[in-house]
Amino acid sequence: TDGGITWNQLSLIDTKISQIVDLALSPNYSQDNTLFMLTWGGKHSLWRSLNGGTIWERVYSNTLPDVDLIDQVELSPQYGKGSQAVFIAGCGNGNPTIWKSTDNGQSFIGQSAPFPIDIWTIVNDNTLFVGSYEGLN
């Protein structure tokens, strides 16, 4: 759709999926039928469906350079209301990382986080709260 700049794998064909890791529905799901699914099957894959799960596109994967693992996906509460912000968290280059997409998951920019993300809340397109547990009292 963009002259061959980006390519997405359509459907779940030829992709081993052994578990669904996380799922994020658009806050406007009843109107836009958009959801994102994070899966594991030897690698983490982020899938997007724009029609309630009938057709899936793989939009991100930890097979990409600088991506070790992905374990969370969340959408901005403003998603679908002029926003297409998608957030994923995991590990990149051995460091906790948060990736953000402002174009509905077509491209992501990563930023190192100060600690592993165990829990988070997306407030809006530019604000999120994150928490971590280090295993001590």
N, C-alpha and C. Protein backbone atom coordinates (compact mmCIF):
# COMPACT_ATOMS: atom_id res chain seq x y z
N THR A 1 0.80 -1.21 0.00
CA THR A 1 0.00 0.00 0.00
C THR A 1 0.84 1.27 0.00
N ASP A 2 2.15 1.15 0.24
CA ASP A 2 3.00 2.34 0.29
C ASP A 2 4.13 2.28 -0.74
N GLY A 3 3.87 1.65 -1.87
CA GLY A 3 4.86 1.57 -2.94
C GLY A 3 5.99 0.58 -2.66
N GLY A 4 5.75 -0.38 -1.78
CA GLY A 4 6.76 -1.41 -1.51
C GLY A 4 7.76 -1.05 -0.42
N ILE A 5 7.52 0.04 0.31
CA ILE A 5 8.43 0.42 1.40
C ILE A 5 8.33 -0.55 2.55
N THR A 6 7.11 -0.92 2.95
CA THR A 6 6.92 -1.90 4.02
C THR A 6 6.13 -3.10 3.49
N TRP A 7 6.40 -4.24 4.08
CA TRP A 7 5.72 -5.48 3.70
C TRP A 7 5.19 -6.15 4.95
N ASN A 8 3.98 -6.67 4.89
CA ASN A 8 3.38 -7.38 6.00
C ASN A 8 2.98 -8.78 5.54
N GLN A 9 3.22 -9.76 6.42
CA GLN A 9 2.76 -11.11 6.14
C GLN A 9 1.26 -11.15 6.40
N LEU A 10 0.50 -11.61 5.42
CA LEU A 10 -0.95 -11.70 5.58
C LEU A 10 -1.34 -13.07 6.09
N SER A 11 -2.30 -13.09 6.98
CA SER A 11 -2.86 -14.29 7.57
C SER A 11 -1.83 -14.98 8.46
N LEU A 12 -2.17 -16.13 8.99
CA LEU A 12 -1.29 -16.85 9.91
C LEU A 12 -0.64 -18.04 9.22
N ILE A 13 -0.62 -18.04 7.90
CA ILE A 13 -0.07 -19.15 7.13
C ILE A 13 1.44 -19.23 7.35
N ASP A 14 1.95 -20.46 7.47
CA ASP A 14 3.38 -20.74 7.62
C ASP A 14 3.99 -20.11 8.86
N THR A 15 3.20 -19.84 9.86
CA THR A 15 3.72 -19.28 11.10
C THR A 15 3.27 -20.16 12.25
N LYS A 16 4.23 -20.70 12.98
CA LYS A 16 3.90 -21.53 14.13
C LYS A 16 3.49 -20.61 15.28
N ILE A 17 2.34 -20.88 15.86
CA ILE A 17 1.88 -20.13 17.01
C ILE A 17 1.56 -21.14 18.10
N SER A 18 2.31 -21.09 19.20
CA SER A 18 2.06 -22.01 20.30
C SER A 18 1.33 -21.34 21.45
N GLN A 19 1.34 -20.00 21.49
CA GLN A 19 0.56 -19.32 22.51
C GLN A 19 0.28 -17.87 22.13
N ILE A 20 -0.83 -17.37 22.63
CA ILE A 20 -1.15 -15.96 22.53
C ILE A 20 -0.60 -15.31 23.78
N VAL A 21 0.29 -14.35 23.61
CA VAL A 21 0.97 -13.70 24.72
C VAL A 21 0.16 -12.53 25.26
N ASP A 22 -0.41 -11.73 24.37
CA ASP A 22 -1.17 -10.56 24.79
C ASP A 22 -2.12 -10.17 23.67
N LEU A 23 -3.16 -9.43 24.03
CA LEU A 23 -4.16 -9.00 23.06
C LEU A 23 -4.60 -7.60 23.43
N ALA A 24 -4.73 -6.72 22.44
CA ALA A 24 -5.18 -5.34 22.68
C ALA A 24 -6.28 -5.01 21.67
N LEU A 25 -7.44 -4.64 22.19
CA LEU A 25 -8.56 -4.23 21.36
C LEU A 25 -8.61 -2.72 21.30
N SER A 26 -8.99 -2.21 20.16
CA SER A 26 -9.20 -0.78 20.01
C SER A 26 -10.27 -0.32 20.99
N PRO A 27 -10.08 0.83 21.65
CA PRO A 27 -11.13 1.35 22.51
C PRO A 27 -12.41 1.67 21.70
N ASN A 28 -12.25 1.75 20.40
CA ASN A 28 -13.35 2.04 19.48
C ASN A 28 -13.71 0.78 18.68
N TYR A 29 -13.48 -0.40 19.27
CA TYR A 29 -13.61 -1.68 18.57
C TYR A 29 -14.98 -1.86 17.90
N SER A 30 -16.04 -1.44 18.56
CA SER A 30 -17.38 -1.65 17.98
C SER A 30 -17.57 -0.90 16.66
N GLN A 31 -16.77 0.12 16.40
CA GLN A 31 -16.84 0.85 15.14
C GLN A 31 -15.73 0.44 14.16
N ASP A 32 -14.48 0.24 14.67
CA ASP A 32 -13.37 0.00 13.73
C ASP A 32 -12.92 -1.46 13.64
N ASN A 33 -13.40 -2.34 14.54
CA ASN A 33 -13.07 -3.78 14.53
C ASN A 33 -11.57 -4.05 14.51
N THR A 34 -10.78 -3.18 15.14
CA THR A 34 -9.32 -3.33 15.13
C THR A 34 -8.83 -3.98 16.41
N LEU A 35 -7.94 -4.97 16.26
CA LEU A 35 -7.28 -5.57 17.40
C LEU A 35 -5.87 -5.99 17.03
N PHE A 36 -5.02 -6.05 18.05
CA PHE A 36 -3.64 -6.47 17.90
C PHE A 36 -3.42 -7.69 18.78
N MET A 37 -2.70 -8.67 18.25
CA MET A 37 -2.43 -9.91 18.98
C MET A 37 -0.94 -10.18 18.96
N LEU A 38 -0.38 -10.44 20.13
CA LEU A 38 1.03 -10.79 20.26
C LEU A 38 1.12 -12.29 20.49
N THR A 39 1.90 -12.99 19.66
CA THR A 39 1.98 -14.45 19.75
C THR A 39 3.42 -14.91 19.93
N TRP A 40 3.56 -16.18 20.35
CA TRP A 40 4.85 -16.83 20.45
C TRP A 40 4.77 -18.16 19.72
N GLY A 41 5.81 -18.48 18.98
CA GLY A 41 5.92 -19.75 18.29
C GLY A 41 7.35 -19.93 17.82
N GLY A 42 8.32 -19.78 18.75
CA GLY A 42 9.73 -19.77 18.38
C GLY A 42 10.24 -18.36 18.18
N LYS A 43 9.32 -17.44 17.97
CA LYS A 43 9.60 -16.00 17.89
C LYS A 43 8.32 -15.27 18.26
N HIS A 44 8.47 -14.04 18.70
CA HIS A 44 7.31 -13.21 19.00
C HIS A 44 6.88 -12.50 17.73
N SER A 45 5.59 -12.46 17.50
CA SER A 45 5.03 -11.76 16.35
C SER A 45 3.87 -10.90 16.81
N LEU A 46 3.80 -9.69 16.27
CA LEU A 46 2.68 -8.80 16.53
C LEU A 46 1.81 -8.78 15.28
N TRP A 47 0.53 -9.12 15.46
CA TRP A 47 -0.43 -9.21 14.37
C TRP A 47 -1.48 -8.13 14.53
N ARG A 48 -1.99 -7.63 13.40
CA ARG A 48 -3.05 -6.63 13.41
C ARG A 48 -4.20 -7.14 12.55
N SER A 49 -5.41 -6.97 13.06
CA SER A 49 -6.61 -7.26 12.28
C SER A 49 -7.47 -6.01 12.26
N LEU A 50 -7.92 -5.64 11.09
CA LEU A 50 -8.78 -4.47 10.93
C LEU A 50 -10.23 -4.86 10.71
N ASN A 51 -10.52 -6.19 10.84
CA ASN A 51 -11.89 -6.65 10.59
C ASN A 51 -12.33 -7.70 11.60
N GLY A 52 -11.99 -7.48 12.85
CA GLY A 52 -12.47 -8.35 13.92
C GLY A 52 -11.84 -9.72 13.97
N GLY A 53 -10.69 -9.90 13.35
CA GLY A 53 -9.97 -11.17 13.41
C GLY A 53 -10.14 -12.07 12.21
N THR A 54 -10.85 -11.63 11.18
CA THR A 54 -11.02 -12.45 9.98
C THR A 54 -9.71 -12.53 9.20
N ILE A 55 -9.04 -11.41 9.02
CA ILE A 55 -7.75 -11.36 8.32
C ILE A 55 -6.72 -10.73 9.25
N TRP A 56 -5.53 -11.35 9.32
CA TRP A 56 -4.45 -10.88 10.18
C TRP A 56 -3.25 -10.50 9.33
N GLU A 57 -2.54 -9.45 9.74
CA GLU A 57 -1.26 -9.06 9.14
C GLU A 57 -0.21 -9.07 10.23
N ARG A 58 0.94 -9.70 9.96
CA ARG A 58 2.05 -9.60 10.92
C ARG A 58 2.75 -8.28 10.65
N VAL A 59 2.78 -7.40 11.66
CA VAL A 59 3.35 -6.07 11.48
C VAL A 59 4.68 -5.88 12.20
N TYR A 60 5.03 -6.80 13.12
CA TYR A 60 6.31 -6.66 13.83
C TYR A 60 6.70 -8.02 14.38
N SER A 61 8.00 -8.22 14.55
CA SER A 61 8.49 -9.52 15.00
C SER A 61 9.85 -9.35 15.67
N ASN A 62 10.18 -10.28 16.57
CA ASN A 62 11.50 -10.18 17.18
C ASN A 62 12.59 -10.81 16.30
N THR A 63 12.27 -11.12 15.06
CA THR A 63 13.31 -11.51 14.11
C THR A 63 14.00 -10.27 13.54
N LEU A 64 13.46 -9.09 13.81
CA LEU A 64 14.06 -7.85 13.34
C LEU A 64 15.32 -7.52 14.14
N PRO A 65 16.26 -6.82 13.54
CA PRO A 65 17.47 -6.43 14.27
C PRO A 65 17.11 -5.62 15.51
N ASP A 66 17.88 -5.79 16.56
CA ASP A 66 17.73 -5.03 17.80
C ASP A 66 16.47 -5.36 18.59
N VAL A 67 15.76 -6.44 18.26
CA VAL A 67 14.57 -6.84 19.01
C VAL A 67 14.80 -8.25 19.54
N ASP A 68 14.92 -8.39 20.87
CA ASP A 68 15.15 -9.70 21.49
C ASP A 68 13.85 -10.42 21.79
N LEU A 69 12.90 -9.71 22.39
CA LEU A 69 11.60 -10.30 22.70
C LEU A 69 10.57 -9.20 22.85
N ILE A 70 9.32 -9.57 22.67
CA ILE A 70 8.19 -8.66 22.85
C ILE A 70 7.18 -9.39 23.73
N ASP A 71 6.76 -8.76 24.83
CA ASP A 71 5.84 -9.48 25.71
C ASP A 71 4.58 -8.71 26.10
N GLN A 72 4.41 -7.48 25.59
CA GLN A 72 3.20 -6.73 25.90
C GLN A 72 2.82 -5.83 24.73
N VAL A 73 1.54 -5.65 24.54
CA VAL A 73 1.02 -4.72 23.53
C VAL A 73 -0.14 -3.96 24.15
N GLU A 74 -0.22 -2.68 23.85
CA GLU A 74 -1.30 -1.84 24.36
C GLU A 74 -1.56 -0.71 23.38
N LEU A 75 -2.80 -0.25 23.32
CA LEU A 75 -3.18 0.85 22.45
C LEU A 75 -3.48 2.08 23.29
N SER A 76 -3.27 3.24 22.70
CA SER A 76 -3.64 4.49 23.36
C SER A 76 -5.15 4.53 23.56
N PRO A 77 -5.65 5.10 24.67
CA PRO A 77 -7.09 5.25 24.84
C PRO A 77 -7.73 6.11 23.75
N GLN A 78 -6.93 6.94 23.08
CA GLN A 78 -7.44 7.77 21.99
C GLN A 78 -7.41 7.06 20.65
N TYR A 79 -6.92 5.81 20.63
CA TYR A 79 -6.81 5.06 19.38
C TYR A 79 -8.16 5.03 18.67
N GLY A 80 -8.13 5.30 17.37
CA GLY A 80 -9.34 5.30 16.57
C GLY A 80 -10.10 6.61 16.57
N LYS A 81 -9.66 7.53 17.39
CA LYS A 81 -10.30 8.86 17.44
C LYS A 81 -9.25 9.89 17.02
N GLY A 82 -8.69 9.69 15.83
CA GLY A 82 -7.63 10.56 15.34
C GLY A 82 -6.25 10.09 15.73
N SER A 83 -6.16 8.99 16.46
CA SER A 83 -4.89 8.45 16.91
C SER A 83 -4.73 7.01 16.40
N GLN A 84 -3.50 6.65 16.08
CA GLN A 84 -3.19 5.26 15.73
C GLN A 84 -1.97 4.80 16.51
N ALA A 85 -1.84 5.25 17.78
CA ALA A 85 -0.69 4.93 18.60
C ALA A 85 -0.79 3.52 19.18
N VAL A 86 0.26 2.73 18.91
CA VAL A 86 0.38 1.36 19.40
C VAL A 86 1.70 1.28 20.17
N PHE A 87 1.67 0.67 21.36
CA PHE A 87 2.86 0.51 22.18
C PHE A 87 3.14 -0.97 22.38
N ILE A 88 4.39 -1.36 22.30
CA ILE A 88 4.80 -2.72 22.66
C ILE A 88 6.01 -2.62 23.59
N ALA A 89 6.13 -3.60 24.48
CA ALA A 89 7.24 -3.62 25.43
C ALA A 89 7.93 -4.96 25.38
N GLY A 90 9.21 -4.95 25.68
CA GLY A 90 10.00 -6.17 25.69
C GLY A 90 11.45 -5.87 25.95
N CYS A 91 12.31 -6.45 25.12
CA CYS A 91 13.74 -6.31 25.30
C CYS A 91 14.40 -6.15 23.94
N GLY A 92 15.27 -5.17 23.84
CA GLY A 92 16.01 -4.93 22.61
C GLY A 92 17.48 -4.71 22.92
N ASN A 93 18.35 -5.41 22.24
CA ASN A 93 19.79 -5.33 22.49
C ASN A 93 20.13 -5.61 23.94
N GLY A 94 19.38 -6.52 24.57
CA GLY A 94 19.64 -6.90 25.95
C GLY A 94 19.11 -5.93 26.99
N ASN A 95 18.40 -4.88 26.57
CA ASN A 95 17.88 -3.87 27.49
C ASN A 95 16.36 -3.81 27.43
N PRO A 96 15.70 -3.53 28.57
CA PRO A 96 14.26 -3.31 28.52
C PRO A 96 13.96 -2.19 27.53
N THR A 97 12.93 -2.39 26.71
CA THR A 97 12.63 -1.45 25.64
C THR A 97 11.13 -1.27 25.48
N ILE A 98 10.74 -0.05 25.14
CA ILE A 98 9.36 0.26 24.75
C ILE A 98 9.42 0.77 23.32
N TRP A 99 8.58 0.20 22.45
CA TRP A 99 8.48 0.65 21.07
C TRP A 99 7.14 1.34 20.90
N LYS A 100 7.12 2.39 20.08
CA LYS A 100 5.89 3.12 19.81
C LYS A 100 5.70 3.25 18.31
N SER A 101 4.47 3.05 17.88
CA SER A 101 4.08 3.29 16.50
C SER A 101 2.98 4.35 16.50
N THR A 102 3.09 5.30 15.61
CA THR A 102 2.03 6.30 15.47
C THR A 102 1.24 6.10 14.17
N ASP A 103 1.58 5.02 13.44
CA ASP A 103 0.94 4.77 12.15
C ASP A 103 0.26 3.40 12.09
N ASN A 104 -0.41 3.04 13.20
CA ASN A 104 -1.20 1.81 13.25
C ASN A 104 -0.37 0.54 13.16
N GLY A 105 0.87 0.61 13.65
CA GLY A 105 1.72 -0.57 13.69
C GLY A 105 2.55 -0.80 12.46
N GLN A 106 2.56 0.12 11.51
CA GLN A 106 3.36 -0.06 10.30
C GLN A 106 4.85 0.13 10.57
N SER A 107 5.20 1.02 11.48
CA SER A 107 6.59 1.23 11.83
C SER A 107 6.67 1.57 13.32
N PHE A 108 7.75 1.14 13.94
CA PHE A 108 7.95 1.35 15.38
C PHE A 108 9.29 2.00 15.62
N ILE A 109 9.35 2.84 16.65
CA ILE A 109 10.61 3.43 17.13
C ILE A 109 10.77 2.98 18.57
N GLY A 110 11.93 2.41 18.89
CA GLY A 110 12.19 1.89 20.22
C GLY A 110 12.99 2.85 21.08
N GLN A 111 12.75 2.76 22.39
CA GLN A 111 13.51 3.54 23.36
C GLN A 111 13.76 2.66 24.57
N SER A 112 15.00 2.66 25.05
CA SER A 112 15.34 1.87 26.22
C SER A 112 14.54 2.35 27.43
N ALA A 113 14.16 1.40 28.26
CA ALA A 113 13.46 1.70 29.51
C ALA A 113 14.44 1.49 30.66
N PRO A 114 14.22 2.14 31.80
CA PRO A 114 15.17 2.02 32.91
C PRO A 114 15.10 0.67 33.63
N PHE A 115 14.03 -0.10 33.39
CA PHE A 115 13.86 -1.39 34.05
C PHE A 115 12.87 -2.22 33.23
N PRO A 116 12.82 -3.53 33.46
CA PRO A 116 11.84 -4.36 32.74
C PRO A 116 10.41 -3.91 33.06
N ILE A 117 9.55 -3.95 32.07
CA ILE A 117 8.17 -3.51 32.25
C ILE A 117 7.32 -4.72 32.67
N ASP A 118 6.86 -4.70 33.92
CA ASP A 118 5.98 -5.76 34.41
C ASP A 118 4.51 -5.37 34.29
N ILE A 119 4.24 -4.08 34.43
CA ILE A 119 2.87 -3.59 34.33
C ILE A 119 2.92 -2.17 33.78
N TRP A 120 1.90 -1.82 33.01
CA TRP A 120 1.87 -0.46 32.49
C TRP A 120 0.45 -0.03 32.21
N THR A 121 0.27 1.29 32.14
CA THR A 121 -0.99 1.90 31.76
C THR A 121 -0.69 3.00 30.77
N ILE A 122 -1.35 2.97 29.65
CA ILE A 122 -1.19 4.00 28.63
C ILE A 122 -2.23 5.08 28.93
N VAL A 123 -1.79 6.29 29.19
CA VAL A 123 -2.69 7.40 29.51
C VAL A 123 -3.19 8.07 28.24
N ASN A 124 -2.27 8.34 27.33
CA ASN A 124 -2.61 8.94 26.04
C ASN A 124 -1.46 8.65 25.08
N ASP A 125 -1.45 9.28 23.94
CA ASP A 125 -0.43 9.00 22.91
C ASP A 125 0.99 9.28 23.38
N ASN A 126 1.16 10.12 24.39
CA ASN A 126 2.50 10.53 24.82
C ASN A 126 2.81 10.26 26.28
N THR A 127 1.88 9.69 27.04
CA THR A 127 2.09 9.47 28.46
C THR A 127 1.75 8.04 28.84
N LEU A 128 2.66 7.40 29.57
CA LEU A 128 2.39 6.07 30.10
C LEU A 128 3.05 5.92 31.45
N PHE A 129 2.44 5.11 32.29
CA PHE A 129 2.99 4.77 33.59
C PHE A 129 3.47 3.33 33.52
N VAL A 130 4.68 3.07 34.02
CA VAL A 130 5.21 1.72 33.99
C VAL A 130 5.67 1.34 35.38
N GLY A 131 5.64 0.04 35.64
CA GLY A 131 6.09 -0.48 36.92
C GLY A 131 6.86 -1.77 36.73
N SER A 132 7.69 -2.07 37.74
CA SER A 132 8.51 -3.27 37.69
C SER A 132 8.70 -3.81 39.08
N TYR A 133 8.92 -5.10 39.19
CA TYR A 133 9.20 -5.75 40.46
C TYR A 133 10.54 -6.43 40.35
N GLU A 134 11.44 -6.10 41.24
CA GLU A 134 12.81 -6.64 41.16
C GLU A 134 13.02 -7.90 41.98
N GLY A 135 11.97 -8.37 42.67
CA GLY A 135 12.08 -9.61 43.41
C GLY A 135 12.53 -9.46 44.84
N LEU A 136 12.69 -8.25 45.31
CA LEU A 136 13.06 -8.00 46.69
C LEU A 136 11.85 -7.52 47.47
N ASN A 137 11.98 -7.46 48.80
CA ASN A 137 10.86 -7.01 49.66
C ASN A 137 10.45 -5.61 49.36
